[in-house]
Every structure is written in C-alpha cells, then in structure tokens.
Amino acid sequence: MDLKSKIAIYPDFPKPGISFKDINSLIKDGEAFHEVTDQFYEIAKALDVNVVCIPEARGYIFGSALAYKLGVGLVPIRKPGKLPGEVMAKSYKLEYGENTVEIQKDAIKTGDRVLIIDDLLATGGTMKAAIDLVELLGGEVCGALFMIELTDLKGREALKDYYVRSLIQFPI
C-alpha cells in the first residue's frame, strides 16, 4: 500500500510557509491505519520493549494501537497541567514555536525498555524532550518511531544516538 498517497497536504498551515502533512486522511481509512499499525508492530517487536510512551496528542493514535498489539504498558507524555500527581517537565523548541511536555514521576521504572512513538519527526524537539524525561526516570529508550519524517528539518540529527524509524518521508 502506498501510505504516502494517503497523507493530505495543506500549504500555509498553520502559518505561511508551512506545508502541513495531515495524518487524518490516512487514519480514517481503516485499511491504511491497519497497515501502519502492522508496520510499526513488525519494527517494535524486535526491540523487546515493555513500555510504549506516547507524546500528546497524535502519538496517542499510533501508540495506543501498538501497545495493545505488543501487549505492553502505555505511558502518556502530556502538555503542562494535564497529569495529576508529581510530574517532571521538559521544555523544547518546535519547528514553529516552543512547548513543554510532562510525565508522571512514577510512570517509568528503572530498567524499563521504552519505545516512544509519534506521528511526525520534524526538528526532533518533541521526541528529544520525551527521551530526556524517560531517561531521567531511569528508562532505557530502545527506539523512536514516526509515521512521517520531514527530512529537510534534520530531526534525526537531534536523535542521532537513538534507533529512529519513520514510515514515510517528505521534504518540507
């Protein structure tokens, strides 16, 4: 299946100069969503993970299905103020702004083998912040998976010390 053809592209969204790659056109197609989940599963099962971490919000879509299929735990990484209890936070830069993510302090245990999955690799800021939080809690990051990679933004460079896979690549 040509997954790339299932991605809608919106020029100048959310601001001029940005070419937004929209996964909604893919995930509404049951066959395409199933194919993506299967491809992620084939990659992930070799990594021997016991936790899947999912950055808010679109990481939830793929990560939930993948954790279920792997039979492992699922840990959300959320925007500030969304998680109860004690949290750790990490700020980072986006391709067009700044953000902060948080994780509950008891979500990852020392020695957990963690896979982090998100919809898009752009500059690598969100994923690097997620990796930093997992590692601060004692987890071992076994890999980072993405639906789409914007190759011109060189996000892989920010993640050069980690196993990184993307299913679809686009220039910006």
C-alpha atoms as a PDB file:
ATOM      1  CA  MET A   1       0.000   0.000   0.000  1.00  0.00           C
ATOM      2  CA  ASP A   2       1.262   3.468  -0.867  1.00  0.00           C
ATOM      3  CA  LEU A   3       0.868   5.142   2.529  1.00  0.00           C
ATOM      4  CA  LYS A   4       2.379   8.407   1.315  1.00  0.00           C
ATOM      5  CA  SER A   5      -0.526   8.901  -1.080  1.00  0.00           C
ATOM      6  CA  LYS A   6      -2.921   8.705   1.892  1.00  0.00           C
ATOM      7  CA  ILE A   7      -1.451  11.844   3.537  1.00  0.00           C
ATOM      8  CA  ALA A   8      -3.277  15.115   2.777  1.00  0.00           C
ATOM      9  CA  ILE A   9      -1.065  18.179   2.421  1.00  0.00           C
ATOM     10  CA  TYR A  10      -2.222  21.673   3.415  1.00  0.00           C
ATOM     11  CA  PRO A  11       0.024  24.521   2.233  1.00  0.00           C
ATOM     12  CA  ASP A  12       0.481  27.535   4.518  1.00  0.00           C
ATOM     13  CA  PHE A  13      -0.997  25.856   7.599  1.00  0.00           C
ATOM     14  CA  PRO A  14      -0.795  26.692  10.479  1.00  0.00           C
ATOM     15  CA  LYS A  15       1.081  29.702   9.122  1.00  0.00           C
ATOM     16  CA  PRO A  16       2.534  30.855   5.807  1.00  0.00           C
ATOM     17  CA  GLY A  17       5.479  28.785   4.644  1.00  0.00           C
ATOM     18  CA  ILE A  18       4.460  25.615   6.491  1.00  0.00           C
ATOM     19  CA  SER A  19       3.306  22.641   4.409  1.00  0.00           C
ATOM     20  CA  PHE A  20       1.198  20.645   6.872  1.00  0.00           C
ATOM     21  CA  LYS A  21       1.149  16.865   6.419  1.00  0.00           C
ATOM     22  CA  ASP A  22      -2.206  15.676   7.791  1.00  0.00           C
ATOM     23  CA  ILE A  23      -2.494  12.098   9.065  1.00  0.00           C
ATOM     24  CA  ASN A  24      -6.283  12.355   9.433  1.00  0.00           C
ATOM     25  CA  SER A  25      -6.742  11.384   5.799  1.00  0.00           C
ATOM     26  CA  LEU A  26      -4.773   8.183   6.482  1.00  0.00           C
ATOM     27  CA  ILE A  27      -6.262   7.144   9.821  1.00  0.00           C
ATOM     28  CA  LYS A  28      -9.840   7.460   8.598  1.00  0.00           C
ATOM     29  CA  ASP A  29      -9.009   4.733   6.062  1.00  0.00           C
ATOM     30  CA  GLY A  30      -9.275   1.517   8.094  1.00  0.00           C
ATOM     31  CA  GLU A  31      -7.088  -0.494   5.755  1.00  0.00           C
ATOM     32  CA  ALA A  32      -4.326   2.150   5.777  1.00  0.00           C
ATOM     33  CA  PHE A  33      -4.484   2.536   9.582  1.00  0.00           C
ATOM     34  CA  HIS A  34      -4.239  -1.238   9.938  1.00  0.00           C
ATOM     35  CA  GLU A  35      -1.223  -1.305   7.596  1.00  0.00           C
ATOM     36  CA  VAL A  36       0.553   1.402   9.610  1.00  0.00           C
ATOM     37  CA  THR A  37      -0.111  -0.424  12.882  1.00  0.00           C
ATOM     38  CA  ASP A  38       1.209  -3.668  11.378  1.00  0.00           C
ATOM     39  CA  GLN A  39       4.357  -1.966  10.092  1.00  0.00           C
ATOM     40  CA  PHE A  40       5.027  -0.373  13.478  1.00  0.00           C
ATOM     41  CA  TYR A  41       4.441  -3.746  15.135  1.00  0.00           C
ATOM     42  CA  GLU A  42       6.970  -5.505  12.879  1.00  0.00           C
ATOM     43  CA  ILE A  43       9.593  -2.906  13.812  1.00  0.00           C
ATOM     44  CA  ALA A  44       8.734  -2.774  17.521  1.00  0.00           C
ATOM     45  CA  LYS A  45       8.527  -6.484  18.298  1.00  0.00           C
ATOM     46  CA  ALA A  46      12.263  -6.851  17.644  1.00  0.00           C
ATOM     47  CA  LEU A  47      13.080  -4.120  20.191  1.00  0.00           C
ATOM     48  CA  ASP A  48      11.891  -6.115  23.238  1.00  0.00           C
ATOM     49  CA  VAL A  49      10.127  -3.194  24.913  1.00  0.00           C
ATOM     50  CA  ASN A  50       7.846  -3.320  27.935  1.00  0.00           C
ATOM     51  CA  VAL A  51       6.502   0.245  27.723  1.00  0.00           C
ATOM     52  CA  VAL A  52       5.295   2.432  24.854  1.00  0.00           C
ATOM     53  CA  CYS A  53       5.381   6.183  25.516  1.00  0.00           C
ATOM     54  CA  ILE A  54       3.111   8.460  23.540  1.00  0.00           C
ATOM     55  CA  PRO A  55       3.557  12.224  23.249  1.00  0.00           C
ATOM     56  CA  GLU A  56       0.343  14.237  23.163  1.00  0.00           C
ATOM     57  CA  ALA A  57      -1.643  14.267  21.029  1.00  0.00           C
ATOM     58  CA  ARG A  58      -1.202  12.399  17.775  1.00  0.00           C
ATOM     59  CA  GLY A  59       1.284   9.941  19.250  1.00  0.00           C
ATOM     60  CA  TYR A  60      -1.741   8.594  21.116  1.00  0.00           C
ATOM     61  CA  ILE A  61      -3.305   7.345  17.901  1.00  0.00           C
ATOM     62  CA  PHE A  62      -0.498   5.030  16.849  1.00  0.00           C
ATOM     63  CA  GLY A  63       0.986   4.287  20.254  1.00  0.00           C
ATOM     64  CA  SER A  64      -2.233   3.008  21.779  1.00  0.00           C
ATOM     65  CA  ALA A  65      -2.808   0.538  18.960  1.00  0.00           C
ATOM     66  CA  LEU A  66       0.830  -0.542  19.054  1.00  0.00           C
ATOM     67  CA  ALA A  67       0.979  -1.056  22.840  1.00  0.00           C
ATOM     68  CA  TYR A  68      -2.189  -3.133  22.644  1.00  0.00           C
ATOM     69  CA  LYS A  69      -0.784  -5.283  19.857  1.00  0.00           C
ATOM     70  CA  LEU A  70       2.559  -5.713  21.705  1.00  0.00           C
ATOM     71  CA  GLY A  71       0.797  -6.464  24.999  1.00  0.00           C
ATOM     72  CA  VAL A  72       2.824  -3.844  26.891  1.00  0.00           C
ATOM     73  CA  GLY A  73       2.149  -0.816  29.084  1.00  0.00           C
ATOM     74  CA  LEU A  74       1.293   2.621  27.735  1.00  0.00           C
ATOM     75  CA  VAL A  75       2.566   5.906  29.226  1.00  0.00           C
ATOM     76  CA  PRO A  76       1.321   9.309  28.062  1.00  0.00           C
ATOM     77  CA  ILE A  77       3.606  12.325  27.818  1.00  0.00           C
ATOM     78  CA  ARG A  78       1.351  15.343  28.059  1.00  0.00           C
ATOM     79  CA  LYS A  79       1.168  19.095  27.826  1.00  0.00           C
ATOM     80  CA  PRO A  80       1.605  21.012  31.102  1.00  0.00           C
ATOM     81  CA  GLY A  81      -1.097  20.771  33.737  1.00  0.00           C
ATOM     82  CA  LYS A  82      -2.836  17.686  32.294  1.00  0.00           C
ATOM     83  CA  LEU A  83      -1.376  14.975  34.555  1.00  0.00           C
ATOM     84  CA  PRO A  84      -2.198  14.501  38.254  1.00  0.00           C
ATOM     85  CA  GLY A  85       0.401  13.755  40.920  1.00  0.00           C
ATOM     86  CA  GLU A  86       4.098  14.524  40.764  1.00  0.00           C
ATOM     87  CA  VAL A  87       5.414  15.218  37.286  1.00  0.00           C
ATOM     88  CA  MET A  88       8.685  16.007  35.559  1.00  0.00           C
ATOM     89  CA  ALA A  89       8.723  18.614  32.799  1.00  0.00           C
ATOM     90  CA  LYS A  90      10.939  19.369  29.821  1.00  0.00           C
ATOM     91  CA  SER A  91      10.733  22.395  27.505  1.00  0.00           C
ATOM     92  CA  TYR A  92      11.814  22.317  23.866  1.00  0.00           C
ATOM     93  CA  LYS A  93      11.587  24.147  20.545  1.00  0.00           C
ATOM     94  CA  LEU A  94       9.225  23.184  17.733  1.00  0.00           C
ATOM     95  CA  GLU A  95       9.651  23.873  14.043  1.00  0.00           C
ATOM     96  CA  TYR A  96       7.431  26.951  14.575  1.00  0.00           C
ATOM     97  CA  GLY A  97       7.353  27.704  18.316  1.00  0.00           C
ATOM     98  CA  GLU A  98       8.081  26.356  21.791  1.00  0.00           C
ATOM     99  CA  ASN A  99       6.393  23.839  24.070  1.00  0.00           C
ATOM    100  CA  THR A 100       6.746  21.841  27.274  1.00  0.00           C
ATOM    101  CA  VAL A 101       5.864  18.214  27.990  1.00  0.00           C
ATOM    102  CA  GLU A 102       5.362  16.371  31.270  1.00  0.00           C
ATOM    103  CA  ILE A 103       5.387  12.791  32.511  1.00  0.00           C
ATOM    104  CA  GLN A 104       4.279  11.373  35.849  1.00  0.00           C
ATOM    105  CA  LYS A 105       7.302  10.622  38.031  1.00  0.00           C
ATOM    106  CA  ASP A 106       6.150   7.074  38.722  1.00  0.00           C
ATOM    107  CA  ALA A 107       5.308   6.248  35.086  1.00  0.00           C
ATOM    108  CA  ILE A 108       8.696   4.743  34.185  1.00  0.00           C
ATOM    109  CA  LYS A 109      10.711   2.433  36.402  1.00  0.00           C
ATOM    110  CA  THR A 110      14.473   1.981  36.330  1.00  0.00           C
ATOM    111  CA  GLY A 111      15.282  -0.586  33.677  1.00  0.00           C
ATOM    112  CA  ASP A 112      12.051  -0.216  31.680  1.00  0.00           C
ATOM    113  CA  ARG A 113      12.689  -0.725  27.970  1.00  0.00           C
ATOM    114  CA  VAL A 114      10.786   2.102  26.318  1.00  0.00           C
ATOM    115  CA  LEU A 115       9.663   2.769  22.767  1.00  0.00           C
ATOM    116  CA  ILE A 116       8.422   6.282  22.003  1.00  0.00           C
ATOM    117  CA  ILE A 117       6.093   6.751  19.058  1.00  0.00           C
ATOM    118  CA  ASP A 118       4.757   9.929  17.474  1.00  0.00           C
ATOM    119  CA  ASP A 119       3.146  10.971  14.230  1.00  0.00           C
ATOM    120  CA  LEU A 120       5.823  13.355  12.953  1.00  0.00           C
ATOM    121  CA  LEU A 121       9.575  13.903  13.123  1.00  0.00           C
ATOM    122  CA  ALA A 122      10.397  17.495  12.229  1.00  0.00           C
ATOM    123  CA  THR A 123      13.199  19.142  14.249  1.00  0.00           C
ATOM    124  CA  GLY A 124      13.245  16.337  16.811  1.00  0.00           C
ATOM    125  CA  GLY A 125      12.412  18.666  19.709  1.00  0.00           C
ATOM    126  CA  THR A 126       9.332  16.853  20.997  1.00  0.00           C
ATOM    127  CA  MET A 127      10.969  13.437  20.781  1.00  0.00           C
ATOM    128  CA  LYS A 128      14.215  14.585  22.389  1.00  0.00           C
ATOM    129  CA  ALA A 129      12.250  16.097  25.289  1.00  0.00           C
ATOM    130  CA  ALA A 130      10.325  12.824  25.671  1.00  0.00           C
ATOM    131  CA  ILE A 131      13.575  10.829  25.583  1.00  0.00           C
ATOM    132  CA  ASP A 132      15.125  13.079  28.218  1.00  0.00           C
ATOM    133  CA  LEU A 133      12.144  12.570  30.537  1.00  0.00           C
ATOM    134  CA  VAL A 134      12.192   8.773  30.120  1.00  0.00           C
ATOM    135  CA  GLU A 135      15.918   8.645  30.804  1.00  0.00           C
ATOM    136  CA  LEU A 136      15.673  10.935  33.835  1.00  0.00           C
ATOM    137  CA  LEU A 137      13.236   8.395  35.300  1.00  0.00           C
ATOM    138  CA  GLY A 138      15.665   5.521  34.658  1.00  0.00           C
ATOM    139  CA  GLY A 139      14.142   4.087  31.495  1.00  0.00           C
ATOM    140  CA  GLU A 140      16.151   2.837  28.538  1.00  0.00           C
ATOM    141  CA  VAL A 141      14.921   4.275  25.241  1.00  0.00           C
ATOM    142  CA  CYS A 142      15.049   1.434  22.717  1.00  0.00           C
ATOM    143  CA  GLY A 143      13.758   3.450  19.804  1.00  0.00           C
ATOM    144  CA  ALA A 144      11.697   6.268  18.361  1.00  0.00           C
ATOM    145  CA  LEU A 145       9.095   5.556  15.689  1.00  0.00           C
ATOM    146  CA  PHE A 146       7.318   8.066  13.474  1.00  0.00           C
ATOM    147  CA  MET A 147       4.603   7.929  10.866  1.00  0.00           C
ATOM    148  CA  ILE A 148       6.103  10.867   8.909  1.00  0.00           C
ATOM    149  CA  GLU A 149       9.575  12.385   8.765  1.00  0.00           C
ATOM    150  CA  LEU A 150      10.223  15.851   7.331  1.00  0.00           C
ATOM    151  CA  THR A 151      13.742  15.130   6.120  1.00  0.00           C
ATOM    152  CA  ASP A 152      14.787  18.723   5.359  1.00  0.00           C
ATOM    153  CA  LEU A 153      14.389  19.684   9.028  1.00  0.00           C
ATOM    154  CA  LYS A 154      17.057  17.143  10.033  1.00  0.00           C
ATOM    155  CA  GLY A 155      15.326  15.905  13.174  1.00  0.00           C
ATOM    156  CA  ARG A 156      17.359  12.706  13.039  1.00  0.00           C
ATOM    157  CA  GLU A 157      20.427  14.740  13.959  1.00  0.00           C
ATOM    158  CA  ALA A 158      18.861  15.606  17.329  1.00  0.00           C
ATOM    159  CA  LEU A 159      18.208  11.880  17.836  1.00  0.00           C
ATOM    160  CA  LYS A 160      21.480  10.550  16.399  1.00  0.00           C
ATOM    161  CA  ASP A 161      22.217   8.432  19.494  1.00  0.00           C
ATOM    162  CA  TYR A 162      18.933   6.506  19.194  1.00  0.00           C
ATOM    163  CA  TYR A 163      17.284   3.985  16.909  1.00  0.00           C
ATOM    164  CA  VAL A 164      14.908   6.004  14.691  1.00  0.00           C
ATOM    165  CA  ARG A 165      12.469   4.751  12.057  1.00  0.00           C
ATOM    166  CA  SER A 166       9.857   6.574  10.004  1.00  0.00           C
ATOM    167  CA  LEU A 167       7.368   5.025   7.603  1.00  0.00           C
ATOM    168  CA  ILE A 168       7.002   7.974   5.243  1.00  0.00           C
ATOM    169  CA  GLN A 169       9.471  10.727   4.338  1.00  0.00           C
ATOM    170  CA  PHE A 170       8.721  14.157   2.889  1.00  0.00           C
ATOM    171  CA  PRO A 171      10.864  17.200   2.195  1.00  0.00           C
ATOM    172  CA  ILE A 172       9.373  20.279   3.843  1.00  0.00           C
END
